[in-house]
Amino acid sequence: MKSFNNKVAVITGGASGIGKALAFQLSSAGAKLAIADLDEEALAQTVDEICQRGGEVSSYIVDVADREAVYDFAADVISHYGAVHIVINNAGMVMGSVGIEDLKYDDFARIMDVNLWGVVHGTQAFLPHLLEQAEANLLNISSVYGLTAKAQQTAYSTSKFAVRGFTEAIRQELRGTSVTVAVVFPGGVQTDLLRNSHLVGDGADTIDLERVSKQLEKYVKTTAAEAASAIIEGIKNKATRVLIGEDAHYFDMIARKNPGNYGLILERRRTR
């Protein structure tokens, strides 16, 4: 897709981070936006900023884990715009580090409901409308932890590997159609995901999210705007796989070259 002018782009998790940056850049390129999020205040602020820049945007309070709510969202977008050309299933949540023996079932389930089922719901609800277009794009956001698994992040890694498998399977099914399907692997990106997440896992309520976020920002080099630019470039080039940041490229290489022991290599890199 070379031009975004008058194209309708749907973005979940569009009120902050990569989602917000995508909304700004796609709007600047002429796209009409439908953005969804659970954070009503942040969503309203994002909409206001886009409108001040002259963009066209509609917004929706949606829990992507709620299948019926996502289908209602899709119906509302079609009712409002009449078509959809780009869907980016970006909404997600993170969790505090917790070992498998201490990982509560309900915490695991919530991570899967948002990170995996949110992507499934968004894909199934919007895909029939994408297929109606002469050219369309579906992008699902995984993570570097969908390339390499991390100790004490079992639920998160499981959800992101599942997004990868789900998206790659769909890509095979839709080969030869008008829809380009891509899976996106962001590395560390400067976003408010950690600050805005309701962490699960033992001791999560004792974590100072603001302090931890500031510490991470010292090491995370990729901005949300840079991540959004990489995704948009992927759309333009009909990429089926988008790696964001030097760390994502490194994790991908390590996983390919050392599929059985990449964990040891990454651990040594972290302790240097």
Protein backbone atom coordinates (compact mmCIF):
# COMPACT_ATOMS: atom_id res chain seq x y z
CA MET A 1 0.00 0.00 0.00
CA LYS A 2 1.82 3.07 -1.24
CA SER A 3 -0.77 5.72 -0.37
CA PHE A 4 -2.76 6.12 2.86
CA ASN A 5 -4.87 8.99 1.60
CA ASN A 6 -8.54 8.38 2.57
CA LYS A 7 -7.73 4.86 3.73
CA VAL A 8 -9.44 3.76 6.96
CA ALA A 9 -7.01 2.51 9.59
CA VAL A 10 -8.09 0.69 12.76
CA ILE A 11 -5.67 0.69 15.72
CA THR A 12 -6.30 -1.02 19.04
CA GLY A 13 -4.34 0.29 22.00
CA GLY A 14 -4.31 3.58 20.11
CA ALA A 15 -4.25 5.98 23.06
CA SER A 16 -0.56 5.71 23.91
CA GLY A 17 2.83 4.35 22.90
CA ILE A 18 3.23 2.74 19.50
CA GLY A 19 -0.51 2.88 18.87
CA LYS A 20 -0.65 6.63 19.40
CA ALA A 21 2.44 7.19 17.26
CA LEU A 22 0.86 5.11 14.50
CA ALA A 23 -2.32 7.15 14.74
CA PHE A 24 -0.40 10.43 14.37
CA GLN A 25 1.69 9.25 11.43
CA LEU A 26 -1.12 7.57 9.53
CA SER A 27 -3.33 10.60 10.06
CA SER A 28 -0.57 12.88 8.78
CA ALA A 29 -0.39 10.66 5.69
CA GLY A 30 -4.09 11.19 5.01
CA ALA A 31 -5.67 8.15 6.63
CA LYS A 32 -8.99 8.21 8.48
CA LEU A 33 -8.64 6.65 11.91
CA ALA A 34 -10.66 4.41 14.20
CA ILE A 35 -8.78 3.99 17.46
CA ALA A 36 -9.74 1.88 20.45
CA ASP A 37 -8.44 1.74 23.99
CA LEU A 38 -9.58 1.10 27.57
CA ASP A 39 -8.05 4.32 28.90
CA GLU A 40 -10.85 6.80 28.29
CA GLU A 41 -8.89 9.87 29.38
CA ALA A 42 -5.82 9.08 27.27
CA LEU A 43 -8.03 8.19 24.32
CA ALA A 44 -9.85 11.52 24.49
CA GLN A 45 -6.53 13.37 24.65
CA THR A 46 -5.19 11.48 21.62
CA VAL A 47 -8.34 12.24 19.64
CA ASP A 48 -8.10 15.91 20.57
CA GLU A 49 -4.47 16.10 19.42
CA ILE A 50 -5.30 14.42 16.11
CA CYS A 51 -8.24 16.73 15.49
CA GLN A 52 -6.09 19.77 16.27
CA ARG A 53 -3.75 18.58 13.53
CA GLY A 54 -6.66 18.40 11.10
CA GLY A 55 -7.06 14.63 11.15
CA GLU A 56 -10.26 12.60 10.92
CA VAL A 57 -10.71 10.16 13.80
CA SER A 58 -13.36 8.19 15.64
CA SER A 59 -12.69 6.60 19.04
CA TYR A 60 -14.06 3.64 20.96
CA ILE A 61 -13.70 2.31 24.51
CA VAL A 62 -13.04 -1.38 23.93
CA ASP A 63 -11.69 -4.29 25.99
CA VAL A 64 -10.15 -6.42 23.26
CA ALA A 65 -10.50 -9.49 25.48
CA ASP A 66 -14.28 -9.14 25.10
CA ARG A 67 -15.20 -10.83 21.82
CA GLU A 68 -18.65 -9.26 21.58
CA ALA A 69 -17.25 -5.80 22.27
CA VAL A 70 -14.69 -6.17 19.47
CA TYR A 71 -17.36 -7.29 16.99
CA ASP A 72 -19.51 -4.31 18.02
CA PHE A 73 -16.43 -2.11 17.48
CA ALA A 74 -16.01 -3.49 13.96
CA ALA A 75 -19.69 -2.93 13.18
CA ASP A 76 -19.49 0.66 14.45
CA VAL A 77 -16.40 1.39 12.35
CA ILE A 78 -18.07 0.06 9.21
CA SER A 79 -21.22 2.02 10.01
CA HIS A 80 -19.16 5.19 10.45
CA TYR A 81 -16.72 4.89 7.54
CA GLY A 82 -18.21 2.23 5.27
CA ALA A 83 -14.89 0.42 4.82
CA VAL A 84 -11.66 -0.68 6.49
CA HIS A 85 -8.27 -0.91 4.77
CA ILE A 86 -5.74 -1.35 7.59
CA VAL A 87 -6.14 -3.16 10.91
CA ILE A 88 -3.36 -3.05 13.51
CA ASN A 89 -4.01 -5.28 16.53
CA ASN A 90 -1.67 -3.44 18.89
CA ALA A 91 -3.37 -3.59 22.31
CA GLY A 92 -1.49 -5.60 24.91
CA MET A 93 -0.38 -5.86 28.52
CA VAL A 94 2.76 -6.91 30.38
CA MET A 95 3.24 -8.73 33.64
CA GLY A 96 5.65 -8.75 36.55
CA SER A 97 8.31 -11.46 36.63
CA VAL A 98 7.00 -14.62 38.28
CA GLY A 99 8.15 -18.25 38.16
CA ILE A 100 5.89 -20.91 36.73
CA GLU A 101 5.36 -22.53 40.13
CA ASP A 102 3.95 -19.27 41.49
CA LEU A 103 2.07 -18.17 38.39
CA LYS A 104 -1.63 -17.95 39.17
CA TYR A 105 -4.05 -19.36 36.61
CA ASP A 106 -6.19 -16.20 36.57
CA ASP A 107 -3.12 -14.04 35.87
CA PHE A 108 -2.04 -16.34 33.05
CA ALA A 109 -5.55 -16.29 31.62
CA ARG A 110 -5.76 -12.49 31.67
CA ILE A 111 -2.50 -12.14 29.77
CA MET A 112 -3.73 -14.61 27.16
CA ASP A 113 -7.15 -12.94 26.96
CA VAL A 114 -5.65 -9.56 26.10
CA ASN A 115 -2.48 -10.40 24.19
CA LEU A 116 -3.70 -13.41 22.21
CA TRP A 117 -7.49 -13.41 22.19
CA GLY A 118 -7.53 -9.66 21.62
CA VAL A 119 -5.59 -10.28 18.40
CA VAL A 120 -7.84 -13.19 17.44
CA HIS A 121 -10.98 -11.15 18.05
CA GLY A 122 -9.67 -8.16 16.12
CA THR A 123 -8.60 -10.34 13.21
CA GLN A 124 -11.83 -12.28 12.89
CA ALA A 125 -14.08 -9.26 13.38
CA PHE A 126 -12.39 -7.12 10.73
CA LEU A 127 -11.09 -9.67 8.22
CA PRO A 128 -14.31 -9.96 6.17
CA HIS A 129 -14.21 -6.19 5.65
CA LEU A 130 -10.52 -6.20 4.71
CA LEU A 131 -11.18 -8.88 2.10
CA GLU A 132 -13.69 -6.58 0.41
CA GLN A 133 -10.89 -4.17 -0.52
CA ALA A 134 -8.67 -4.30 -3.57
CA GLU A 135 -5.71 -3.80 -1.22
CA ALA A 136 -5.63 -4.17 2.56
CA ASN A 137 -3.26 -4.84 5.45
CA LEU A 138 -3.59 -6.79 8.68
CA LEU A 139 -0.80 -6.38 11.25
CA ASN A 140 -0.59 -8.18 14.59
CA ILE A 141 1.88 -7.06 17.24
CA SER A 142 4.01 -9.77 18.82
CA SER A 143 7.29 -9.02 20.65
CA VAL A 144 10.94 -10.00 20.81
CA TYR A 145 9.58 -12.46 23.38
CA GLY A 146 7.72 -14.04 20.49
CA LEU A 147 11.17 -14.73 19.01
CA THR A 148 12.92 -15.79 22.21
CA ALA A 149 11.29 -16.86 25.46
CA LYS A 150 12.29 -15.32 28.79
CA ALA A 151 12.47 -16.93 32.23
CA GLN A 152 9.74 -15.77 34.62
CA GLN A 153 7.77 -14.36 31.69
CA THR A 154 6.01 -17.61 30.80
CA ALA A 155 2.56 -16.13 30.28
CA TYR A 156 3.79 -13.13 28.29
CA SER A 157 6.13 -15.20 26.09
CA THR A 158 3.39 -17.78 25.52
CA SER A 159 0.97 -15.08 24.39
CA LYS A 160 3.46 -13.48 22.03
CA PHE A 161 4.65 -16.76 20.50
CA ALA A 162 0.97 -17.59 20.00
CA VAL A 163 0.37 -14.28 18.20
CA ARG A 164 3.28 -15.11 15.93
CA GLY A 165 1.95 -18.59 15.11
CA PHE A 166 -1.61 -17.35 14.66
CA THR A 167 -0.53 -14.59 12.29
CA GLU A 168 1.83 -16.76 10.25
CA ALA A 169 -0.88 -19.39 9.81
CA ILE A 170 -3.33 -16.74 8.62
CA ARG A 171 -0.74 -15.45 6.20
CA GLN A 172 -0.62 -18.88 4.56
CA GLU A 173 -4.42 -19.01 4.37
CA LEU A 174 -4.68 -15.56 2.80
CA ARG A 175 -1.92 -15.97 0.25
CA GLY A 176 -3.28 -14.83 -3.11
CA THR A 177 -5.93 -12.57 -1.59
CA SER A 178 -5.95 -8.78 -1.39
CA VAL A 179 -4.87 -8.80 2.27
CA THR A 180 -1.20 -8.57 3.25
CA VAL A 181 -0.67 -10.12 6.69
CA ALA A 182 2.28 -9.14 8.87
CA VAL A 183 3.55 -9.99 12.33
CA VAL A 184 5.48 -7.24 14.13
CA PHE A 185 8.27 -7.88 16.64
CA PRO A 186 9.09 -4.76 18.67
CA GLY A 187 12.18 -4.81 20.82
CA GLY A 188 12.50 -2.32 23.66
CA VAL A 189 10.45 0.75 22.80
CA GLN A 190 10.03 3.94 24.83
CA THR A 191 6.32 3.71 25.65
CA ASP A 192 4.06 4.00 28.69
CA LEU A 193 3.08 0.32 28.46
CA LEU A 194 4.69 -0.53 31.78
CA ARG A 195 3.36 2.57 33.54
CA ASN A 196 -0.16 1.92 32.23
CA SER A 197 -0.21 -1.83 32.84
CA HIS A 198 -1.88 -3.55 35.74
CA LEU A 199 0.92 -5.95 36.51
CA VAL A 200 0.06 -9.45 37.65
CA GLY A 201 2.13 -11.89 39.62
CA ASP A 202 3.20 -12.07 43.26
CA GLY A 203 4.60 -8.77 44.49
CA ALA A 204 3.31 -6.85 41.47
CA ASP A 205 1.48 -4.39 43.72
CA THR A 206 4.76 -3.42 45.38
CA ILE A 207 6.51 -2.45 42.13
CA ASP A 208 7.16 1.27 41.63
CA LEU A 209 6.17 1.44 37.95
CA GLU A 210 7.36 5.02 37.52
CA ARG A 211 10.81 4.23 38.91
CA VAL A 212 11.20 1.01 36.91
CA SER A 213 10.02 2.74 33.74
CA LYS A 214 12.60 5.51 34.15
CA GLN A 215 15.33 2.91 34.69
CA LEU A 216 14.33 1.05 31.53
CA GLU A 217 14.31 4.27 29.51
CA LYS A 218 18.08 4.54 30.06
CA TYR A 219 18.60 1.35 28.06
CA VAL A 220 15.72 1.47 25.58
CA LYS A 221 16.76 3.48 22.55
CA THR A 222 13.89 3.05 20.07
CA THR A 223 11.16 5.67 20.31
CA ALA A 224 7.48 5.00 19.71
CA ALA A 225 7.67 7.28 16.65
CA GLU A 226 10.55 5.24 15.22
CA ALA A 227 8.63 2.02 15.86
CA ALA A 228 5.55 3.43 14.14
CA SER A 229 7.66 4.54 11.16
CA ALA A 230 9.07 1.02 10.80
CA ILE A 231 5.57 -0.47 10.85
CA ILE A 232 4.30 2.03 8.27
CA GLU A 233 7.30 1.31 6.06
CA GLY A 234 6.38 -2.36 6.35
CA ILE A 235 2.85 -1.60 5.19
CA LYS A 236 4.16 0.33 2.20
CA ASN A 237 6.46 -2.52 1.21
CA LYS A 238 3.93 -5.28 1.87
CA ALA A 239 6.31 -6.79 4.44
CA THR A 240 5.09 -9.90 6.21
CA ARG A 241 7.55 -9.57 9.09
CA VAL A 242 8.66 -6.37 10.80
CA LEU A 243 11.54 -6.28 13.30
CA ILE A 244 11.74 -3.08 15.34
CA GLY A 245 15.02 -1.97 16.88
CA GLU A 246 18.54 -3.35 16.92
CA ASP A 247 17.64 -5.63 19.81
CA ALA A 248 14.85 -7.27 17.80
CA HIS A 249 17.26 -8.00 14.95
CA TYR A 250 19.77 -9.41 17.45
CA PHE A 251 17.19 -11.61 19.20
CA ASP A 252 16.00 -12.90 15.83
CA MET A 253 19.54 -13.77 14.76
CA ILE A 254 20.36 -15.51 18.06
CA ALA A 255 17.16 -17.56 17.97
CA ARG A 256 17.88 -18.69 14.40
CA LYS A 257 21.52 -19.59 15.01
CA ASN A 258 21.12 -21.05 18.51
CA PRO A 259 17.55 -22.32 18.88
CA GLY A 260 18.47 -24.67 21.70
CA ASN A 261 20.56 -22.42 23.91
CA TYR A 262 19.84 -18.79 23.02
CA GLY A 263 18.79 -18.22 26.64
CA LEU A 264 22.35 -18.73 27.87
CA ILE A 265 23.73 -16.35 25.25
CA LEU A 266 21.20 -13.63 26.08
CA GLU A 267 21.81 -14.07 29.81
CA ARG A 268 25.55 -13.56 29.34
CA ARG A 269 24.84 -10.45 27.27
CA ARG A 270 22.65 -8.99 30.02
CA THR A 271 25.26 -9.55 32.73
CA ARG A 272 28.15 -7.89 30.88
